Structure formats: C-alpha cells, structure tokens
Protein backbone atom coordinates (compact mmCIF):
# COMPACT_ATOMS: atom_id res chain seq x y z
CA UNK A 1 45.43 53.37 -39.49
CA UNK A 2 43.95 50.11 -38.97
CA UNK A 3 39.99 49.84 -38.59
CA UNK A 4 38.03 47.10 -37.01
CA UNK A 5 35.91 44.94 -39.90
CA UNK A 6 32.95 46.49 -38.46
CA UNK A 7 34.21 50.41 -38.72
CA UNK A 8 35.72 49.42 -42.21
CA UNK A 9 32.38 48.51 -43.43
CA UNK A 10 30.80 51.52 -42.17
CA UNK A 11 33.56 53.82 -43.83
CA UNK A 12 32.77 51.76 -47.30
CA UNK A 13 29.17 52.36 -46.76
CA UNK A 14 29.69 56.38 -46.25
CA UNK A 15 32.15 56.47 -49.37
CA UNK A 16 29.20 54.43 -51.59
CA UNK A 17 26.55 56.74 -50.36
CA UNK A 18 28.60 59.79 -50.65
CA UNK A 19 31.21 59.37 -53.42
CA UNK A 20 32.41 63.14 -53.71
CA UNK A 21 33.25 63.43 -49.80
CA UNK A 22 36.60 64.02 -48.93
CA UNK A 23 38.83 61.83 -47.18
CA UNK A 24 39.20 64.24 -44.31
CA UNK A 25 35.44 64.02 -43.65
CA UNK A 26 35.68 60.22 -43.72
CA UNK A 27 38.35 60.17 -41.24
CA UNK A 28 36.13 62.70 -38.83
CA UNK A 29 32.97 60.24 -39.37
CA UNK A 30 35.14 57.12 -38.55
CA UNK A 31 36.18 59.07 -35.46
CA UNK A 32 32.80 59.62 -34.39
CA UNK A 33 31.65 56.14 -35.32
CA UNK A 34 34.37 54.81 -32.76
CA UNK A 35 33.68 57.14 -30.35
CA UNK A 36 36.75 59.33 -30.51
CA UNK A 37 35.06 62.30 -31.28
CA UNK A 38 32.00 63.77 -29.95
CA UNK A 39 31.54 66.57 -32.54
CA UNK A 40 28.96 66.00 -35.38
CA UNK A 41 30.51 66.16 -39.04
CA UNK A 42 29.22 69.02 -41.61
CA UNK A 43 28.11 67.41 -44.60
CA UNK A 44 26.69 69.78 -47.42
CA UNK A 45 23.80 67.96 -49.13
CA UNK A 46 20.93 69.00 -51.43
CA UNK A 47 17.80 67.41 -52.01
CA UNK A 48 15.13 67.99 -55.08
CA UNK A 49 11.71 68.73 -54.30
CA UNK A 50 8.91 69.94 -56.85
CA UNK A 51 8.66 73.41 -56.98
CA UNK A 52 6.10 75.12 -55.16
CA UNK A 53 6.37 77.82 -57.92
CA UNK A 54 4.51 75.91 -60.30
CA UNK A 55 0.69 75.32 -59.66
CA UNK A 56 -0.58 72.26 -61.73
CA UNK A 57 -4.13 72.40 -62.75
CA UNK A 58 -5.76 69.27 -64.13
CA UNK A 59 -7.79 69.41 -67.04
CA UNK A 60 -9.55 67.52 -69.65
CA UNK A 61 -8.38 67.88 -73.37
CA UNK A 62 -10.95 69.90 -74.48
CA UNK A 63 -10.98 72.59 -71.85
CA UNK A 64 -7.19 72.68 -72.11
CA UNK A 65 -7.03 73.29 -75.84
CA UNK A 66 -9.45 76.13 -75.24
CA UNK A 67 -7.58 77.40 -72.43
CA UNK A 68 -4.23 77.52 -74.53
CA UNK A 69 -5.87 79.40 -77.23
CA UNK A 70 -6.16 82.67 -75.00
CA UNK A 71 -3.00 82.39 -72.87
CA UNK A 72 -1.99 85.66 -72.71
CA UNK A 73 -5.39 86.73 -71.51
CA UNK A 74 -5.42 84.55 -69.04
CA UNK A 75 -2.06 85.26 -67.28
CA UNK A 76 -3.19 89.13 -67.66
CA UNK A 77 -6.70 88.18 -65.85
CA UNK A 78 -4.68 86.12 -63.04
CA UNK A 79 -2.10 88.85 -62.59
CA UNK A 80 -4.96 91.52 -62.43
CA UNK A 81 -6.79 89.85 -59.78
CA UNK A 82 -3.78 89.00 -57.69
CA UNK A 83 -2.86 92.58 -57.76
CA UNK A 84 -6.35 93.80 -56.87
CA UNK A 85 -6.37 91.46 -53.99
CA UNK A 86 -2.91 93.05 -53.08
CA UNK A 87 -0.78 89.94 -53.37
CA UNK A 88 2.92 89.75 -54.01
CA UNK A 89 2.44 86.78 -56.27
CA UNK A 90 2.32 87.00 -60.09
CA UNK A 91 2.10 84.32 -62.73
CA UNK A 92 4.90 84.44 -65.01
CA UNK A 93 3.82 82.34 -67.60
CA UNK A 94 1.45 79.44 -68.41
CA UNK A 95 2.52 75.77 -70.09
CA UNK A 96 0.80 72.40 -70.62
CA UNK A 97 1.55 69.14 -70.66
CA UNK A 98 -0.53 66.18 -71.76
CA UNK A 99 -3.09 66.17 -68.90
CA UNK A 100 -2.40 69.50 -67.07
CA UNK A 101 -2.05 73.21 -67.02
CA UNK A 102 1.19 74.29 -65.54
CA UNK A 103 1.22 78.00 -63.88
CA UNK A 104 4.67 79.23 -63.04
CA UNK A 105 4.81 82.00 -60.53
CA UNK A 106 7.21 84.47 -59.10
CA UNK A 107 7.07 83.34 -55.60
CA UNK A 108 6.19 80.03 -53.76
CA UNK A 109 1.92 79.34 -53.99
CA UNK A 110 -0.54 76.78 -53.57
CA UNK A 111 -3.28 76.17 -55.75
CA UNK A 112 -5.90 77.87 -53.66
CA UNK A 113 -3.95 81.08 -53.95
CA UNK A 114 -4.59 81.54 -57.75
C-alpha cells in the first residue's frame, strides 16, 4: 500500500508513540487519517496516577518521630474513630518518609476524611 509522505509521517509518529501497537491497528488509524474509515480505533492505554488510597500528612521531624514511636496505637485510634462514624474506610498501615506521614487506607479518601 502506497502512502503519501504526510500520511507516512503520521504513521511513523503513531508507531513511535505506541511501539507495541499492532500493525492492524496502525492500518486502521491510517484509514481514518486518509478519510477511508469513519470508525474510531480502540487503543488500550493506561496511565499512572497518585493513589488516593494514600493520605499524606506533612510533619516536622520532631512530631514525625514522636508519632512513629506509637504507630500501632495511632492506627487503632484512627480505625476506632472511623468505625464510630460508620465509615467504610479503614487505615491499613502508616509509614514515614523524609518529610511526611503516609496513611494507606483500604478505600480512596481525602485528608479531610481522616
């Protein structure tokens, strides 16, 4: 199949952007570009996002170290309060990085929910 230079460039851009795309899909896209087909191609794509299951709470070093000393107590207290307000959210675990406390939950939540 002979392509015009413009369509060939478009196909190369698609192939560079989606290296694992099947040739059949590229041919379908080419037909759409040239106006031969009116249907839209189906591309299975995923994107990465920050998990909303992790609630990040900024803390200074002193507060963070004192908080981490009684970690299991804090997880139990958070879960007790969430249970008392009949929330379906539960804290799974808490970890720390160099600036923050990260509370990982079983469902998607915001900082205000905790």
